[in-house]
Protein backbone atom coordinates (compact mmCIF):
# COMPACT_ATOMS: atom_id res chain seq x y z
CA MET A 1 8.34 -36.80 36.82
CA ASP A 2 7.65 -35.24 33.46
CA GLU A 3 3.79 -35.16 34.05
CA ARG A 4 1.20 -33.81 36.10
CA MET A 5 -2.29 -35.78 37.28
CA GLU A 6 -5.49 -33.89 37.35
CA LYS A 7 -9.06 -33.90 37.46
CA ASP A 8 -11.85 -32.33 36.27
CA PHE A 9 -15.06 -33.81 36.05
CA LEU A 10 -14.68 -35.64 32.90
CA GLY A 11 -12.56 -37.85 34.94
CA ASP A 12 -7.89 -37.81 35.16
CA VAL A 13 -6.16 -35.77 32.99
CA ARG A 14 -1.82 -35.85 32.56
CA ILE A 15 -0.22 -32.37 32.50
CA PRO A 16 3.12 -32.13 31.04
CA ALA A 17 5.16 -31.50 34.71
CA GLY A 18 6.02 -28.21 33.53
CA ALA A 19 3.21 -26.74 32.13
CA TYR A 20 1.20 -23.79 33.83
CA TRP A 21 -2.17 -24.77 32.45
CA GLY A 22 -3.83 -27.48 33.61
CA SER A 23 -6.72 -29.65 32.89
CA HIS A 24 -9.54 -27.57 30.78
CA THR A 25 -6.62 -25.87 29.03
CA GLN A 26 -4.90 -29.45 28.03
CA ARG A 27 -8.52 -30.62 26.89
CA ALA A 28 -8.43 -27.88 24.71
CA VAL A 29 -5.18 -29.19 23.19
CA ASP A 30 -6.14 -32.69 22.45
CA ASN A 31 -9.17 -31.97 21.48
CA PHE A 32 -8.94 -28.34 18.77
CA PRO A 33 -5.30 -29.35 16.78
CA LEU A 34 -6.94 -27.42 14.22
CA SER A 35 -4.77 -24.76 12.53
CA GLY A 36 -1.77 -24.47 14.18
CA TYR A 37 -2.60 -20.64 14.63
CA ARG A 38 -1.91 -19.35 18.55
CA VAL A 39 -4.45 -17.10 20.24
CA HIS A 40 -3.41 -13.09 19.06
CA ALA A 41 -1.01 -12.87 21.73
CA GLY A 42 -2.34 -8.93 21.86
CA MET A 43 -5.43 -10.65 23.31
CA LEU A 44 -4.00 -12.96 25.66
CA ARG A 45 -2.05 -10.01 27.68
CA ALA A 46 -5.15 -7.95 27.23
CA TYR A 47 -7.11 -10.72 28.95
CA ALA A 48 -4.65 -10.24 31.69
CA LEU A 49 -5.55 -6.42 32.73
CA VAL A 50 -8.97 -8.30 32.31
CA LYS A 51 -8.53 -10.61 34.97
CA LYS A 52 -6.54 -8.20 36.86
CA ALA A 53 -9.99 -5.88 36.97
CA CYS A 54 -11.59 -8.57 38.07
CA CYS A 55 -9.20 -9.11 41.41
CA GLN A 56 -8.69 -6.21 41.97
CA ALA A 57 -12.93 -5.71 42.57
CA ASN A 58 -13.46 -8.78 44.31
CA ALA A 59 -10.25 -7.66 46.76
CA GLU A 60 -12.21 -4.47 47.47
CA LEU A 61 -14.86 -5.70 48.25
CA GLY A 62 -13.53 -8.90 50.46
CA LEU A 63 -14.46 -11.73 48.05
CA LEU A 64 -10.89 -12.49 47.87
CA GLU A 65 -8.94 -12.71 50.07
CA LYS A 66 -4.97 -10.00 50.33
CA GLY A 67 -2.44 -12.70 49.74
CA LYS A 68 -4.16 -14.53 47.37
CA ALA A 69 -5.41 -11.73 45.15
CA ASP A 70 -1.69 -10.08 45.57
CA ALA A 71 -0.52 -13.14 44.22
CA ILE A 72 -3.31 -13.15 41.24
CA LEU A 73 -2.68 -9.42 40.70
CA ARG A 74 1.25 -10.30 40.19
CA ALA A 75 0.68 -13.40 38.07
CA CYS A 76 -2.07 -11.15 35.92
CA ASP A 77 1.06 -8.18 35.80
CA GLU A 78 3.42 -10.63 34.15
CA ILE A 79 1.14 -12.51 31.53
CA ALA A 80 -0.05 -8.92 30.27
CA GLU A 81 3.95 -7.68 30.44
CA GLY A 82 4.05 -10.69 28.00
CA ALA A 83 5.38 -13.66 30.36
CA PHE A 84 4.60 -17.46 30.22
CA GLY A 85 4.32 -17.29 26.08
CA ASP A 86 4.69 -19.99 25.39
CA GLN A 87 2.03 -20.93 27.86
CA PHE A 88 -0.58 -20.80 25.99
CA PRO A 89 -0.79 -23.27 23.11
CA VAL A 90 -4.60 -23.82 23.03
CA ASP A 91 -5.67 -23.14 19.16
CA ALA A 92 -7.00 -19.99 18.27
CA LEU A 93 -9.76 -21.69 16.70
CA GLN A 94 -11.59 -23.79 19.12
CA GLY A 95 -15.74 -24.22 20.23
CA GLY A 96 -16.51 -23.09 23.14
CA ALA A 97 -16.98 -19.12 22.15
CA GLY A 98 -13.46 -19.13 24.03
CA THR A 99 -14.18 -20.80 27.19
CA SER A 100 -11.28 -22.75 25.82
CA THR A 101 -8.90 -19.57 25.84
CA ASN A 102 -10.55 -18.15 29.55
CA MET A 103 -9.68 -21.35 30.72
CA ASN A 104 -6.37 -21.28 29.30
CA VAL A 105 -5.32 -17.58 31.24
CA ASN A 106 -7.71 -18.62 33.93
CA GLU A 107 -4.79 -21.77 34.37
CA VAL A 108 -1.86 -20.10 34.09
CA ILE A 109 -2.18 -16.79 36.75
CA ALA A 110 -3.44 -19.40 39.19
CA ASN A 111 -0.72 -21.94 39.19
CA ARG A 112 1.64 -18.90 38.98
CA ALA A 113 0.05 -17.64 41.80
CA ILE A 114 0.54 -20.70 43.21
CA GLU A 115 3.20 -20.79 42.90
CA ILE A 116 4.30 -17.00 44.34
CA LEU A 117 3.04 -18.32 47.02
CA GLY A 118 5.22 -21.05 47.21
CA GLY A 119 3.19 -24.05 46.21
CA GLU A 120 3.47 -27.03 43.35
CA ARG A 121 1.65 -25.82 40.37
CA GLY A 122 -1.65 -27.81 40.96
CA ARG A 123 -2.49 -26.94 43.91
CA TYR A 124 -5.43 -25.22 43.07
CA ASP A 125 -6.32 -25.52 46.62
CA LEU A 126 -4.06 -22.52 47.65
CA VAL A 127 -5.23 -21.16 44.26
CA HIS A 128 -8.27 -22.15 42.12
CA PRO A 129 -8.64 -21.27 38.68
CA ILE A 130 -12.30 -20.95 38.92
CA GLU A 131 -12.91 -20.31 42.16
CA ASP A 132 -10.53 -17.82 42.38
CA VAL A 133 -9.35 -16.32 39.30
CA ASN A 134 -12.62 -16.69 37.99
CA LEU A 135 -14.75 -15.77 40.03
CA ASN A 136 -17.47 -13.39 39.50
CA GLN A 137 -17.25 -13.75 35.44
CA SER A 138 -17.50 -16.11 32.50
CA THR A 139 -15.87 -16.98 29.05
CA ASN A 140 -18.70 -14.39 27.98
CA ASP A 141 -18.16 -11.39 29.65
CA THR A 142 -14.55 -11.41 30.22
CA TYR A 143 -13.55 -12.74 26.08
CA PRO A 144 -15.72 -10.26 24.31
CA THR A 145 -14.33 -7.28 26.57
CA ALA A 146 -10.57 -8.95 26.05
CA LEU A 147 -11.20 -9.11 22.62
CA LYS A 148 -11.69 -5.14 21.92
CA VAL A 149 -9.33 -3.94 24.83
CA SER A 150 -7.01 -6.09 22.70
CA ALA A 151 -8.76 -4.38 19.19
CA ILE A 152 -8.85 -0.71 20.45
CA HIS A 153 -4.92 -1.50 20.77
CA GLY A 154 -4.61 -2.64 18.05
CA LEU A 155 -6.57 0.25 15.76
CA ARG A 156 -4.03 2.12 17.95
CA ARG A 157 -0.80 0.87 16.03
CA LEU A 158 -2.55 0.95 13.00
CA SER A 159 -3.89 3.97 13.22
CA GLN A 160 -0.05 5.51 13.85
CA ALA A 161 1.19 2.96 10.56
CA VAL A 162 -2.05 4.61 8.00
CA ALA A 163 -0.68 8.31 10.08
CA GLY A 164 3.01 7.47 9.75
CA LEU A 165 2.31 6.45 5.10
CA GLN A 166 -0.52 9.24 4.92
CA GLY A 167 3.07 11.87 5.60
CA ALA A 168 5.41 10.06 3.04
CA PHE A 169 2.74 10.57 0.91
CA GLN A 170 1.92 14.21 1.51
CA GLU A 171 6.18 14.41 0.68
CA LYS A 172 6.07 13.10 -2.79
CA GLU A 173 2.80 15.76 -3.24
CA LYS A 174 5.28 18.34 -2.58
CA GLN A 175 8.28 16.62 -4.16
CA PHE A 176 6.59 16.11 -7.45
CA ALA A 177 4.00 19.45 -7.46
CA GLY A 178 5.62 20.94 -10.13
CA VAL A 179 5.77 17.23 -12.73
CA LEU A 180 3.66 17.90 -15.74
CA THR A 181 1.94 14.00 -17.26
CA ILE A 182 -0.98 13.07 -18.65
CA GLY A 183 -3.65 11.89 -16.21
CA ARG A 184 -5.55 8.76 -17.59
CA THR A 185 -9.54 7.16 -17.36
CA GLU A 186 -9.91 3.76 -18.36
CA LEU A 187 -6.28 3.10 -18.60
CA GLN A 188 -6.17 5.40 -21.95
CA GLU A 189 -4.57 8.94 -21.65
CA ALA A 190 -7.16 11.69 -20.69
CA VAL A 191 -6.54 15.09 -19.16
CA PRO A 192 -3.18 17.26 -18.71
CA VAL A 193 -2.07 17.15 -13.94
CA THR A 194 0.65 16.79 -12.15
CA LEU A 195 2.67 13.45 -10.86
CA GLY A 196 1.74 15.46 -7.42
CA ALA A 197 -1.67 15.76 -7.87
CA GLU A 198 -1.71 12.37 -7.85
CA PHE A 199 0.48 11.44 -5.62
CA SER A 200 -2.11 13.98 -3.30
CA ALA A 201 -5.21 11.25 -4.17
CA PHE A 202 -3.73 8.58 -2.37
CA ALA A 203 -2.47 11.01 0.51
CA GLU A 204 -6.29 11.94 0.41
CA ALA A 205 -7.54 8.28 0.28
CA ILE A 206 -5.18 7.29 3.07
CA GLY A 207 -6.48 10.43 5.31
CA ARG A 208 -9.81 9.65 5.22
CA ASP A 209 -8.17 5.33 6.56
CA ARG A 210 -6.16 7.48 8.81
CA TRP A 211 -9.87 9.40 10.17
CA ARG A 212 -12.04 6.71 9.90
CA THR A 213 -9.55 4.17 12.25
CA PHE A 214 -9.42 7.00 14.50
CA LYS A 215 -12.83 7.38 15.02
CA CYS A 216 -13.89 3.63 15.39
CA GLU A 217 -12.14 2.92 18.62
CA GLU A 218 -14.92 4.65 20.04
CA ARG A 219 -17.01 1.86 18.55
CA LEU A 220 -15.42 -0.93 20.73
CA ARG A 221 -15.21 1.02 24.07
CA VAL A 222 -18.51 -0.33 25.35
CA VAL A 223 -17.91 -3.56 27.04
CA ASN A 224 -19.40 -6.24 28.58
CA ILE A 225 -18.05 -7.09 31.90
CA GLY A 226 -20.18 -8.35 35.02
CA GLY A 227 -23.02 -9.00 32.63
CA THR A 228 -21.29 -12.98 33.73
CA ALA A 229 -23.67 -16.03 30.91
CA VAL A 230 -25.89 -13.95 29.58
CA GLY A 231 -25.91 -10.39 30.65
CA THR A 232 -27.99 -10.81 33.55
CA GLY A 233 -24.63 -10.66 36.02
CA LEU A 234 -25.98 -13.91 37.05
CA GLY A 235 -24.43 -15.00 39.90
CA ALA A 236 -22.61 -11.95 40.75
CA PRO A 237 -23.29 -9.44 43.62
CA ARG A 238 -24.43 -5.80 42.11
CA SER A 239 -21.42 -4.20 43.73
CA TYR A 240 -18.78 -5.93 42.07
CA ILE A 241 -20.57 -5.35 38.66
CA PHE A 242 -20.80 -1.74 39.61
CA LEU A 243 -16.73 -1.26 41.02
CA VAL A 244 -15.60 -3.86 38.20
CA ILE A 245 -15.66 -0.87 35.09
CA GLU A 246 -14.64 0.76 37.08
CA ARG A 247 -11.36 -1.05 37.50
CA LEU A 248 -11.13 -2.10 34.27
CA ARG A 249 -10.98 1.52 33.32
CA ASP A 250 -7.57 1.91 35.83
CA VAL A 251 -6.10 -1.46 34.73
CA THR A 252 -6.06 -0.90 30.86
CA GLY A 253 -5.58 3.70 30.90
CA LEU A 254 -8.99 2.68 28.47
CA GLY A 255 -12.27 5.50 28.16
CA LEU A 256 -14.42 1.89 29.09
CA ALA A 257 -17.92 1.93 29.55
CA ARG A 258 -20.28 -0.82 30.71
CA GLY A 259 -23.04 -1.53 27.90
CA GLU A 260 -26.65 -0.14 29.15
CA ASN A 261 -28.42 -3.11 28.49
CA LEU A 262 -25.59 -6.12 28.74
CA LEU A 263 -27.92 -9.34 27.11
CA ASP A 264 -27.87 -7.35 24.18
CA GLN A 265 -23.98 -6.34 24.23
CA THR A 266 -23.11 -10.74 25.18
CA ALA A 267 -25.34 -11.82 22.50
CA ASN A 268 -24.52 -9.14 19.82
CA ALA A 269 -21.46 -8.85 18.06
CA ASP A 270 -22.26 -6.71 15.01
CA VAL A 271 -19.37 -4.08 16.75
CA PHE A 272 -16.60 -6.06 15.28
CA VAL A 273 -18.67 -5.69 11.97
CA GLU A 274 -18.60 -2.65 11.80
CA VAL A 275 -14.81 -1.83 12.51
CA SER A 276 -13.73 -4.65 10.21
CA GLY A 277 -15.40 -2.71 7.76
CA ILE A 278 -13.84 -0.01 8.29
CA VAL A 279 -10.74 -1.99 8.35
CA LYS A 280 -11.93 -2.74 4.73
CA ALA A 281 -11.93 0.67 3.71
CA HIS A 282 -8.28 1.01 4.63
CA ALA A 283 -7.43 -1.70 2.49
CA ALA A 284 -9.03 -1.26 -0.45
CA SER A 285 -7.82 1.47 -0.82
CA LEU A 286 -4.00 0.48 -0.05
CA ALA A 287 -5.14 -2.03 -2.56
CA LYS A 288 -5.90 0.22 -5.14
CA ILE A 289 -3.06 2.77 -4.87
CA CYS A 290 -0.95 -0.54 -5.00
CA GLY A 291 -2.11 -1.04 -7.99
CA ASP A 292 -1.46 2.26 -9.28
CA LEU A 293 2.48 2.62 -8.49
CA ARG A 294 2.31 -0.69 -10.50
CA VAL A 295 1.49 1.09 -13.38
CA LEU A 296 2.68 4.03 -12.68
CA ALA A 297 5.87 2.12 -12.90
CA LEU A 298 5.37 0.29 -15.63
CA LEU A 299 4.76 3.59 -17.31
CA GLY A 300 8.34 4.66 -16.21
CA GLU A 301 7.04 8.02 -14.71
CA ILE A 302 7.88 6.62 -11.09
CA ARG A 303 10.73 4.55 -9.66
CA LEU A 304 10.01 2.30 -7.57
CA PRO A 305 13.07 1.35 -5.21
CA ALA A 306 14.26 -1.54 -6.21
CA LEU A 307 14.15 -4.23 -3.78
CA GLN A 308 15.51 -7.65 -4.82
CA ALA A 309 15.84 -9.85 -7.77
CA GLY A 310 13.15 -10.54 -9.90
CA SER A 311 13.66 -13.32 -11.59
CA SER A 312 15.27 -16.76 -11.60
CA ILE A 313 16.20 -16.49 -14.24
CA MET A 314 15.94 -12.76 -16.27
CA PRO A 315 19.52 -11.54 -15.46
CA GLY A 316 19.22 -8.08 -13.98
CA LYS A 317 15.01 -8.15 -13.64
CA VAL A 318 13.10 -5.77 -10.82
CA ASN A 319 10.12 -6.12 -9.96
CA PRO A 320 7.69 -3.96 -7.84
CA VAL A 321 7.28 -6.68 -5.23
CA LEU A 322 6.53 -4.80 -2.12
CA LEU A 323 3.48 -3.58 -3.99
CA GLU A 324 2.33 -7.04 -5.54
CA ALA A 325 2.40 -8.49 -0.92
CA GLY A 326 0.09 -5.71 0.07
CA ILE A 327 -2.20 -5.97 -3.25
CA GLN A 328 -2.09 -9.42 -1.49
CA ALA A 329 -2.18 -9.12 2.05
CA GLY A 330 -5.58 -5.81 0.93
CA MET A 331 -7.49 -8.99 -0.35
CA LYS A 332 -6.77 -10.84 2.91
CA VAL A 333 -8.13 -8.54 4.95
CA MET A 334 -11.42 -8.20 2.78
CA ALA A 335 -11.20 -11.73 2.55
CA ASN A 336 -11.20 -11.95 6.64
CA ASP A 337 -13.75 -8.69 6.85
CA MET A 338 -16.42 -12.07 5.36
CA LEU A 339 -15.14 -14.26 7.76
CA ILE A 340 -16.03 -11.55 10.85
CA THR A 341 -19.42 -11.49 8.93
CA GLU A 342 -20.52 -14.12 8.80
CA ALA A 343 -18.91 -15.16 11.95
CA CYS A 344 -20.93 -12.38 14.51
CA SER A 345 -24.13 -13.33 11.79
CA ARG A 346 -24.06 -17.03 13.09
CA GLY A 347 -23.96 -15.90 16.33
CA SER A 348 -27.53 -17.52 18.24
CA LEU A 349 -29.86 -16.42 20.76
CA GLN A 350 -28.04 -15.34 24.15
CA ILE A 351 -23.94 -15.33 23.06
CA ASN A 352 -21.57 -15.55 19.39
CA GLU A 353 -19.87 -18.59 20.19
CA PHE A 354 -18.16 -17.66 16.84
CA LEU A 355 -15.89 -14.96 18.30
CA PRO A 356 -12.63 -17.30 18.23
CA LEU A 357 -12.56 -16.58 15.04
CA VAL A 358 -14.19 -12.84 14.86
CA ALA A 359 -10.71 -12.70 17.02
CA PHE A 360 -8.16 -14.32 15.23
CA SER A 361 -9.59 -12.77 12.09
CA LEU A 362 -9.76 -8.88 13.46
CA HIS A 363 -6.16 -9.15 14.95
CA GLU A 364 -5.18 -9.85 11.87
CA SER A 365 -6.13 -7.74 9.33
CA LEU A 366 -5.22 -5.61 11.86
CA ASP A 367 -1.33 -6.66 11.69
CA LEU A 368 -1.62 -7.30 8.47
CA LEU A 369 -2.30 -3.28 7.65
CA ALA A 370 -0.03 -1.65 10.67
CA ARG A 371 2.58 -4.00 10.00
CA PHE A 372 2.17 -3.28 5.40
CA ASP A 373 2.16 0.66 5.88
CA THR A 374 4.81 0.98 7.57
CA LEU A 375 6.24 -0.76 4.74
CA LEU A 376 5.15 1.36 2.10
CA ALA A 377 5.37 4.39 3.68
CA ALA A 378 8.89 3.55 3.49
CA HIS A 379 8.78 2.39 0.34
CA VAL A 380 7.30 5.61 -1.07
CA LYS A 381 10.00 8.10 0.95
CA GLY A 382 12.17 6.19 -1.62
CA ILE A 383 10.12 6.73 -4.74
CA SER A 384 11.87 8.70 -7.45
CA ALA A 385 10.02 10.58 -10.76
CA ASP A 386 11.39 10.23 -14.42
CA GLU A 387 10.25 14.28 -15.19
CA ASP A 388 12.17 14.01 -18.73
CA ARG A 389 8.96 10.79 -18.86
CA CYS A 390 6.63 12.19 -17.32
CA ARG A 391 7.02 14.60 -19.98
CA ALA A 392 7.14 13.29 -23.13
CA TYR A 393 4.25 11.79 -22.30
CA PHE A 394 2.57 15.00 -21.67
CA GLU A 395 4.11 16.62 -24.74
CA LYS A 396 2.69 13.54 -27.27
CA SER A 397 -0.83 13.61 -26.09
CA PRO A 398 -3.69 15.21 -28.09
CA MET A 399 -5.68 14.57 -25.06
CA ILE A 400 -3.84 17.95 -23.37
CA MET A 401 -5.83 19.91 -26.13
CA THR A 402 -8.80 18.90 -23.35
CA ALA A 403 -7.40 22.49 -21.84
CA LEU A 404 -8.28 24.27 -24.63
CA LEU A 405 -11.65 23.68 -24.07
CA PRO A 406 -12.63 27.21 -22.22
CA ARG A 407 -11.30 29.38 -25.65
CA MET A 408 -12.13 27.03 -28.23
CA GLY A 409 -14.89 24.79 -27.30
CA TYR A 410 -14.82 20.93 -27.72
CA ASP A 411 -15.60 21.59 -31.57
CA GLY A 412 -12.56 23.92 -32.07
CA ALA A 413 -10.45 21.77 -29.44
CA ALA A 414 -11.65 18.26 -31.93
CA ALA A 415 -10.91 19.68 -34.63
CA LEU A 416 -7.12 20.77 -33.79
CA VAL A 417 -6.57 17.50 -32.67
CA ARG A 418 -7.15 16.46 -36.61
CA GLU A 419 -5.42 19.03 -37.36
CA PHE A 420 -2.39 17.77 -35.83
CA HIS A 421 -2.56 14.44 -36.19
CA ASP A 422 -2.84 14.97 -40.14
CA THR A 423 0.38 17.07 -39.23
CA GLY A 424 2.74 13.98 -38.45
CA ARG A 425 3.62 15.35 -35.44
CA GLU A 426 4.85 14.09 -32.79
CA SER A 427 4.92 17.33 -30.31
CA VAL A 428 1.48 18.53 -29.06
CA MET A 429 3.57 21.62 -26.92
CA GLU A 430 5.65 22.57 -30.01
CA PHE A 431 1.54 22.30 -32.59
CA LEU A 432 0.41 24.35 -30.02
CA ALA A 433 3.08 26.89 -29.68
CA GLU A 434 2.67 27.82 -33.16
CA LYS A 435 -0.32 27.36 -33.52
CA LEU A 436 -1.09 29.69 -30.14
CA GLY A 437 1.83 31.23 -29.64
CA ARG A 438 4.15 30.67 -26.92
CA GLU A 439 3.00 32.72 -24.40
CA ALA A 440 -0.52 31.43 -24.25
CA VAL A 441 0.53 28.12 -24.01
CA ASP A 442 2.67 28.07 -21.15
CA GLU A 443 -0.36 29.73 -19.42
CA VAL A 444 -2.64 27.45 -20.15
CA PHE A 445 -0.55 24.45 -18.96
CA SER A 446 0.90 25.42 -16.38
CA PRO A 447 0.25 23.42 -12.62
CA GLN A 448 -1.06 26.29 -11.72
CA SER A 449 -3.67 26.43 -14.50
CA LEU A 450 -4.27 22.59 -15.05
CA LEU A 451 -4.57 22.60 -11.35
CA SER A 452 -6.58 26.10 -10.48
CA LEU A 453 -10.00 23.93 -10.00
CA GLY A 454 -11.87 25.57 -12.82
CA HIS A 455 -10.62 28.48 -15.11
CA LYS A 456 -11.44 31.83 -13.91
CA ASP A 457 -14.98 33.44 -16.58
CA GLY A 458 -14.66 36.40 -14.94
CA ARG A 459 -17.11 35.70 -12.10
CA THR A 460 -15.10 33.85 -9.61
């Protein structure tokens, strides 16, 4: 037969015969054909680890028979390794605070364990999704815990990608250290800098993001596992509540701790707002840097790697497409941060009903940024400088005379600017060499002098 029949307290439910899920999952599939997005794979793997830790604790305390527990543990390991990915059909945007995801995981584990024991799927007298797999648990403590475990792994991937991007900018900082150009403020020429100094600012911004993403993992290490429905641990033995966090640390390899106030940890999701804000800060840095690189490419000071033909009508046109994609990714992460903030603020009393949206948005943001950082790092490595173009901007800009302020003051430098304009000449450097002498000009406008953090005044 193509279907099997299962029952729940609402009645009969038809399940595809080959499915590892059961009635709760099937009802959720029917109830929430919303976005077409599925629960994040990392979330499902983390959930399997949470279920494994719970099973271990129950088995150690004699609450689960050994053969049954061994089958459940094997099923958890298989899911944690990525198996049965097609058995989680529930829409990522679901009502019920994640209950549909929890039950989807419970049912797949139960049916796989039944299969391991030699039974047929749906024989819940062998392994029951709620009585056995979900023993001493609730969606309200397992779902937030799984989300935090998964988010920690996502942050680690992001932090590694950020580190690679920082390194790429630092390489260009060194490579372009001697390339003189003109800095700009308000999109107008300002004072002389080096192209390397501009790239150092990119590297420093990304460096701060690297530190933030690394540190904010700490915010996610406090979990509410053992709190069951509202954080009181109702229905679970005290021995289990104390043991399960230890087993979760063992299973995940993470420095997790049970919250001191589990009602707080169950009711409040502000930690996800904090983490999302840090992720958003990185998105803002990336969007700004991508915009700056587009401007430098427009000015011709840098050459971006050519990735694809830029136009369907203009032959030979090449656009800064990766940078544009990065800006869009940044905007999406910023929008996700708003969604996470709003969803966390909408929780009511002892639970946050909107954690599925938080989970979906946070995972999407972490994935987007980690992927883009990796792409951008490779792109940055291919950037080259047009030193002649940079030098031309530098030598033709009267604004470089700002560097003469310590020698002749504002009025003196302004008079020199007016005199230069009156001559109608193009090269400021040649004009200054005639006025001040080549040796003095070379000293003032060397990269070392321009970036020496102020001028020597005899007191430093």
